[in-house]
Protein backbone atom coordinates (compact mmCIF):
# COMPACT_ATOMS: atom_id res chain seq x y z
CA UNK A 1 48.64 -71.34 15.08
CA UNK A 2 47.87 -72.96 18.45
CA UNK A 3 50.44 -72.10 21.17
CA UNK A 4 51.58 -73.40 24.16
CA UNK A 5 50.39 -71.91 28.00
CA UNK A 6 52.23 -68.48 28.92
CA UNK A 7 54.41 -70.05 31.69
CA UNK A 8 55.59 -72.39 29.09
CA UNK A 9 55.72 -70.46 26.02
CA UNK A 10 58.22 -72.98 23.68
CA UNK A 11 58.99 -72.94 20.34
CA UNK A 12 58.11 -76.09 18.28
CA UNK A 13 61.32 -78.02 17.65
CA UNK A 14 60.59 -80.17 14.56
CA UNK A 15 62.52 -83.19 14.14
CA UNK A 16 61.95 -86.48 12.54
CA UNK A 17 60.49 -88.68 14.73
CA UNK A 18 62.19 -91.72 16.19
CA UNK A 19 60.93 -95.42 15.00
CA UNK A 20 58.49 -96.55 17.76
CA UNK A 21 59.38 -99.68 19.80
CA UNK A 22 58.05 -102.86 18.57
CA UNK A 23 55.00 -103.33 20.30
CA UNK A 24 55.64 -106.96 21.46
CA UNK A 25 58.52 -105.63 23.08
CA UNK A 26 56.84 -102.93 24.57
CA UNK A 27 54.12 -105.47 25.95
CA UNK A 28 56.54 -107.63 27.47
CA UNK A 29 58.23 -104.79 29.57
CA UNK A 30 54.28 -103.66 30.90
CA UNK A 31 53.54 -107.01 31.55
CA UNK A 32 56.54 -108.04 33.69
CA UNK A 33 56.53 -104.47 35.66
CA UNK A 34 52.50 -104.18 36.13
CA UNK A 35 51.85 -104.01 39.86
CA UNK A 36 48.93 -105.48 41.54
CA UNK A 37 47.53 -102.08 41.80
CA UNK A 38 47.39 -101.38 37.91
CA UNK A 39 45.85 -104.88 37.46
CA UNK A 40 42.96 -103.71 40.16
CA UNK A 41 42.38 -100.62 38.26
CA UNK A 42 42.21 -101.99 34.78
CA UNK A 43 39.46 -104.55 36.33
CA UNK A 44 37.45 -101.49 38.05
CA UNK A 45 37.06 -99.67 34.55
CA UNK A 46 36.65 -102.92 32.63
CA UNK A 47 33.38 -103.30 34.80
CA UNK A 48 32.69 -99.20 34.82
CA UNK A 49 33.08 -98.74 31.19
CA UNK A 50 31.52 -102.16 30.14
CA UNK A 51 28.03 -101.15 31.60
CA UNK A 52 28.28 -97.86 29.86
CA UNK A 53 29.00 -99.81 27.17
CA UNK A 54 26.37 -102.07 27.16
CA UNK A 55 23.31 -99.91 28.54
CA UNK A 56 24.38 -96.35 26.40
CA UNK A 57 27.41 -96.33 23.78
CA UNK A 58 26.73 -100.02 21.95
CA UNK A 59 23.63 -98.55 19.59
CA UNK A 60 25.20 -95.42 19.35
CA UNK A 61 28.26 -96.26 18.12
CA UNK A 62 26.92 -98.80 15.72
CA UNK A 63 24.97 -96.47 14.06
CA UNK A 64 27.36 -93.83 13.51
CA UNK A 65 30.29 -95.95 12.34
CA UNK A 66 28.95 -98.20 9.30
CA UNK A 67 30.84 -100.33 7.27
CA UNK A 68 32.85 -99.57 4.45
CA UNK A 69 30.22 -101.51 1.57
CA UNK A 70 27.58 -104.07 1.62
CA UNK A 71 28.38 -108.30 0.89
CA UNK A 72 25.95 -110.03 -0.64
CA UNK A 73 23.97 -112.70 1.37
CA UNK A 74 21.06 -114.11 -0.51
CA UNK A 75 18.21 -114.14 -2.87
CA UNK A 76 14.99 -114.73 -1.09
CA UNK A 77 10.96 -114.31 -2.86
CA UNK A 78 9.87 -110.93 -3.13
CA UNK A 79 7.49 -109.34 -0.22
CA UNK A 80 5.24 -106.57 0.16
CA UNK A 81 7.44 -103.33 1.01
CA UNK A 82 10.67 -104.67 -0.65
CA UNK A 83 12.67 -102.43 -2.68
CA UNK A 84 11.83 -102.51 -6.57
CA UNK A 85 15.86 -101.91 -7.13
CA UNK A 86 16.43 -105.05 -5.46
CA UNK A 87 14.86 -107.30 -7.55
CA UNK A 88 16.97 -110.06 -9.24
CA UNK A 89 15.68 -110.31 -13.01
CA UNK A 90 17.32 -113.43 -13.57
CA UNK A 91 16.14 -115.11 -10.64
CA UNK A 92 12.72 -113.53 -11.02
CA UNK A 93 12.63 -115.07 -15.16
CA UNK A 94 13.49 -118.23 -14.24
CA UNK A 95 11.38 -118.85 -11.15
CA UNK A 96 8.32 -117.11 -12.85
CA UNK A 97 7.75 -115.18 -9.83
CA UNK A 98 9.71 -112.19 -8.34
CA UNK A 99 13.02 -112.67 -5.93
CA UNK A 100 14.82 -109.84 -4.47
CA UNK A 101 18.97 -109.82 -3.50
CA UNK A 102 19.91 -109.42 -0.16
CA UNK A 103 22.63 -107.88 1.58
CA UNK A 104 24.52 -107.55 5.01
CA UNK A 105 26.76 -104.45 5.72
CA UNK A 106 30.26 -105.23 5.81
CA UNK A 107 31.00 -104.38 9.56
CA UNK A 108 34.54 -104.41 10.20
CA UNK A 109 35.87 -101.69 10.83
CA UNK A 110 39.63 -100.60 12.28
CA UNK A 111 39.63 -97.85 14.86
CA UNK A 112 43.15 -96.20 16.43
CA UNK A 113 43.54 -94.58 19.60
CA UNK A 114 46.39 -92.02 19.37
CA UNK A 115 46.52 -90.98 23.05
CA UNK A 116 49.33 -87.94 24.02
CA UNK A 117 50.90 -89.04 26.99
CA UNK A 118 53.40 -86.04 27.51
CA UNK A 119 54.06 -83.57 30.50
CA UNK A 120 50.90 -81.42 30.21
CA UNK A 121 48.49 -84.33 30.24
CA UNK A 122 49.96 -85.65 33.83
CA UNK A 123 47.81 -82.41 35.29
CA UNK A 124 44.42 -82.05 36.75
CA UNK A 125 43.23 -80.01 39.69
CA UNK A 126 39.64 -81.23 40.06
CA UNK A 127 38.89 -84.99 39.84
CA UNK A 128 41.63 -86.48 38.18
CA UNK A 129 44.84 -86.07 35.74
CA UNK A 130 43.76 -85.44 32.06
CA UNK A 131 45.62 -88.53 31.66
CA UNK A 132 43.18 -90.55 33.54
CA UNK A 133 40.29 -89.09 31.69
CA UNK A 134 41.93 -89.79 28.39
CA UNK A 135 42.87 -93.18 29.46
CA UNK A 136 39.09 -94.38 30.87
CA UNK A 137 37.50 -92.69 27.41
CA UNK A 138 39.80 -94.61 25.55
CA UNK A 139 38.78 -97.75 27.19
CA UNK A 140 35.48 -97.06 26.23
CA UNK A 141 35.93 -96.38 22.79
CA UNK A 142 38.15 -99.51 22.75
CA UNK A 143 35.05 -101.50 24.09
CA UNK A 144 32.54 -100.18 21.85
CA UNK A 145 34.72 -100.97 19.09
CA UNK A 146 35.41 -104.54 20.27
CA UNK A 147 31.88 -104.83 21.03
CA UNK A 148 30.86 -104.58 17.31
CA UNK A 149 33.69 -106.79 16.08
CA UNK A 150 35.79 -103.93 15.00
CA UNK A 151 39.56 -103.93 15.11
CA UNK A 152 41.21 -101.60 17.82
CA UNK A 153 45.06 -100.32 18.15
CA UNK A 154 46.45 -97.97 20.21
CA UNK A 155 49.89 -95.34 19.65
CA UNK A 156 50.86 -93.96 22.83
CA UNK A 157 53.01 -90.59 21.79
CA UNK A 158 54.51 -87.80 23.49
CA UNK A 159 57.49 -85.83 21.37
CA UNK A 160 58.07 -89.22 20.08
CA UNK A 161 56.17 -92.06 19.28
CA UNK A 162 56.30 -94.04 22.37
CA UNK A 163 54.36 -97.21 22.17
CA UNK A 164 52.49 -99.17 19.46
CA UNK A 165 49.94 -101.61 19.60
CA UNK A 166 48.17 -103.08 16.35
CA UNK A 167 44.58 -103.36 15.77
CA UNK A 168 43.18 -106.67 16.75
CA UNK A 169 40.09 -107.85 18.52
CA UNK A 170 38.83 -109.22 21.31
CA UNK A 171 38.00 -108.71 25.14
CA UNK A 172 41.75 -110.19 25.93
CA UNK A 173 42.75 -107.06 23.14
CA UNK A 174 40.75 -104.92 25.08
CA UNK A 175 42.15 -105.62 28.68
CA UNK A 176 45.68 -105.05 27.46
CA UNK A 177 45.15 -101.57 25.94
CA UNK A 178 43.36 -100.65 29.37
CA UNK A 179 46.38 -102.08 31.25
CA UNK A 180 49.46 -100.76 28.75
CA UNK A 181 47.24 -97.11 28.76
CA UNK A 182 47.10 -96.96 32.86
CA UNK A 183 50.95 -98.83 33.32
CA UNK A 184 53.30 -96.64 30.30
CA UNK A 185 55.55 -94.50 31.54
CA UNK A 186 57.12 -92.35 28.84
CA UNK A 187 60.19 -91.23 27.94
CA UNK A 188 59.71 -87.69 26.46
CA UNK A 189 57.75 -84.64 28.16
CA UNK A 190 57.10 -82.71 25.32
CA UNK A 191 54.23 -82.96 22.50
CA UNK A 192 54.53 -83.37 18.64
CA UNK A 193 51.08 -83.82 17.13
CA UNK A 194 52.88 -83.57 13.53
CA UNK A 195 54.96 -86.71 14.23
CA UNK A 196 52.62 -88.77 15.34
CA UNK A 197 49.89 -87.96 12.04
CA UNK A 198 53.06 -88.42 10.37
CA UNK A 199 53.23 -92.20 11.62
CA UNK A 200 49.41 -92.82 11.28
CA UNK A 201 49.81 -91.39 7.50
CA UNK A 202 52.64 -93.80 6.42
CA UNK A 203 51.29 -96.56 8.56
CA UNK A 204 47.65 -96.94 8.04
CA UNK A 205 46.41 -98.20 4.66
CA UNK A 206 43.12 -98.62 4.57
CA UNK A 207 40.56 -96.01 5.87
CA UNK A 208 40.38 -95.76 9.62
CA UNK A 209 38.39 -94.33 12.38
CA UNK A 210 40.80 -92.00 14.14
CA UNK A 211 40.97 -90.60 17.77
CA UNK A 212 42.98 -88.43 18.61
CA UNK A 213 43.00 -87.51 22.30
CA UNK A 214 45.45 -84.68 23.18
CA UNK A 215 45.16 -81.21 25.33
CA UNK A 216 46.45 -80.08 21.92
CA UNK A 217 49.32 -77.90 23.11
CA UNK A 218 50.82 -78.15 19.49
CA UNK A 219 51.70 -76.05 16.99
CA UNK A 220 52.13 -76.48 12.65
CA UNK A 221 49.84 -79.00 12.59
CA UNK A 222 46.88 -77.91 10.14
CA UNK A 223 48.26 -79.32 7.21
CA UNK A 224 49.38 -82.65 8.67
CA UNK A 225 45.87 -83.27 9.99
CA UNK A 226 44.17 -81.55 6.25
CA UNK A 227 45.95 -84.59 4.94
CA UNK A 228 45.36 -87.27 7.36
CA UNK A 229 41.53 -86.18 7.35
CA UNK A 230 41.38 -86.56 3.63
CA UNK A 231 41.95 -90.23 4.02
CA UNK A 232 40.81 -91.32 7.25
CA UNK A 233 37.82 -90.30 9.63
CA UNK A 234 39.60 -88.15 12.23
CA UNK A 235 37.68 -87.68 15.61
CA UNK A 236 39.78 -85.02 18.06
CA UNK A 237 39.34 -85.50 21.57
CA UNK A 238 39.85 -82.23 23.68
CA UNK A 239 40.87 -82.78 26.95
CA UNK A 240 40.86 -80.06 29.25
CA UNK A 241 41.47 -78.83 32.89
CA UNK A 242 39.13 -75.74 34.66
CA UNK A 243 42.53 -74.43 36.23
CA UNK A 244 43.88 -73.77 32.10
CA UNK A 245 41.38 -71.54 31.64
CA UNK A 246 41.71 -68.83 34.53
CA UNK A 247 44.99 -67.76 36.22
CA UNK A 248 43.71 -67.86 39.87
CA UNK A 249 44.58 -64.88 42.25
CA UNK A 250 47.19 -66.62 44.54
CA UNK A 251 49.15 -63.65 44.42
CA UNK A 252 53.56 -64.23 43.39
CA UNK A 253 53.78 -67.76 42.13
CA UNK A 254 55.97 -69.82 40.57
CA UNK A 255 54.63 -72.01 37.60
CA UNK A 256 56.77 -74.79 36.06
CA UNK A 257 56.47 -76.23 32.26
CA UNK A 258 55.55 -79.59 32.66
CA UNK A 259 57.10 -80.46 29.08
CA UNK A 260 59.51 -78.07 28.71
CA UNK A 261 60.96 -77.59 32.45
CA UNK A 262 60.77 -73.56 32.29
CA UNK A 263 60.13 -72.00 35.52
CA UNK A 264 58.60 -68.57 35.61
CA UNK A 265 57.12 -66.50 38.25
CA UNK A 266 53.92 -64.33 37.97
CA UNK A 267 52.00 -62.03 40.21
CA UNK A 268 48.60 -63.39 39.66
CA UNK A 269 47.27 -61.13 42.06
CA UNK A 270 47.62 -58.59 39.17
CA UNK A 271 44.01 -57.94 37.16
CA UNK A 272 45.88 -57.26 33.78
CA UNK A 273 48.25 -60.38 34.07
CA UNK A 274 44.89 -62.51 34.66
CA UNK A 275 42.58 -60.61 32.04
CA UNK A 276 45.81 -61.08 29.77
CA UNK A 277 46.06 -65.00 30.35
CA UNK A 278 42.38 -65.56 29.97
CA UNK A 279 42.76 -63.66 26.51
CA UNK A 280 45.34 -65.80 25.58
CA UNK A 281 43.79 -68.85 26.37
CA UNK A 282 40.43 -67.94 24.89
CA UNK A 283 42.16 -67.40 21.54
CA UNK A 284 44.00 -70.52 21.38
CA UNK A 285 40.83 -72.45 21.66
CA UNK A 286 38.92 -70.42 19.19
CA UNK A 287 41.85 -71.03 17.30
CA UNK A 288 41.59 -74.82 17.62
CA UNK A 289 37.97 -74.68 17.39
CA UNK A 290 38.33 -72.70 13.58
CA UNK A 291 40.64 -75.24 12.69
CA UNK A 292 39.07 -78.36 13.27
CA UNK A 293 35.71 -76.65 11.97
CA UNK A 294 37.83 -75.85 8.71
CA UNK A 295 39.21 -79.01 8.29
CA UNK A 296 36.00 -81.15 9.11
CA UNK A 297 36.92 -82.59 11.95
CA UNK A 298 34.55 -83.23 14.82
CA UNK A 299 35.54 -82.30 17.96
CA UNK A 300 34.70 -83.89 21.45
CA UNK A 301 35.39 -81.89 24.50
CA UNK A 302 36.19 -83.17 28.04
CA UNK A 303 36.95 -81.69 31.38
CA UNK A 304 38.30 -83.50 33.81
CA UNK A 305 35.49 -81.62 36.43
CA UNK A 306 32.93 -83.54 34.28
CA UNK A 307 32.32 -86.85 32.70
CA UNK A 308 32.78 -87.93 29.51
CA UNK A 309 29.46 -89.45 29.00
CA UNK A 310 27.53 -86.52 27.62
CA UNK A 311 29.84 -85.09 25.22
CA UNK A 312 30.67 -88.66 23.53
CA UNK A 313 26.92 -89.16 23.35
CA UNK A 314 26.22 -85.34 21.52
CA UNK A 315 28.99 -86.63 19.29
CA UNK A 316 27.05 -89.65 17.89
CA UNK A 317 24.06 -87.96 18.26
CA UNK A 318 25.10 -85.32 15.92
CA UNK A 319 26.78 -87.32 13.94
CA UNK A 320 23.67 -89.64 13.44
CA UNK A 321 21.83 -86.58 12.18
CA UNK A 322 24.47 -85.12 9.65
CA UNK A 323 24.13 -89.06 8.03
CA UNK A 324 20.57 -88.86 7.72
CA UNK A 325 20.58 -85.12 6.04
CA UNK A 326 22.92 -86.70 3.35
């Protein structure tokens, strides 16, 4: 079972998730209060991620996420090398020479980005906060989806469903997604992944690609995740900061859990304390890996001290290799 970090050990308080604010209402609130700095950041992220999508991710995304079926396109005359099973025998008999059926893939897919905005995401000790890394990675995925004419939507969550933007297509929609990710101020601080999973399971009627972007400091998620993964293609994007893996030796220190507000003092100069912390963190991460592997959910691990390009490319190529083996 996954647990929170030692200095913020808190019990999981399950309660019904409040209904999310209507997307249009939240969008109006965001639009009116967006400062110029946020708009500049949106433009910078669009320029940076558009180059990555065009040069790296377009082909990878398309080869991994295929359409849900095949649609008849036309009948044409047989050519050497055509698959014999595609011959249209009725047309062949009528024309007295072989003709084959051609199909095109139904490309349109739905992608949902479920992004964790809890207190633990507003943390980072190297290049940026975990929430900033999650936002830019979500922007890349959104642009990749729209570039392939897929619909993409967003669910922002903490210990409640904070904001929902239904799936749509187009560049303007992607810019709105990026803007909302950068400017939205959540009301909650805690994390309730089970609640967002329940929301997705109830609201998504057709098979959807779901990127669940979080640090996964949460409990009681195995059964909800299992049910969601049976109906949808779920990808877990795990966001980490290197300081969360190892307790620094800085003497007596006071730590505050950003989600629960609990404060605790720890003597970090104690080797046994640091070793215990490292063991617990390692156990939690291994538990998370085993859980995702058991549920056949792919993991894309990203860290604030690195980039997301290599982890995403590894994920795409791993998926492609798996597809070829089937």
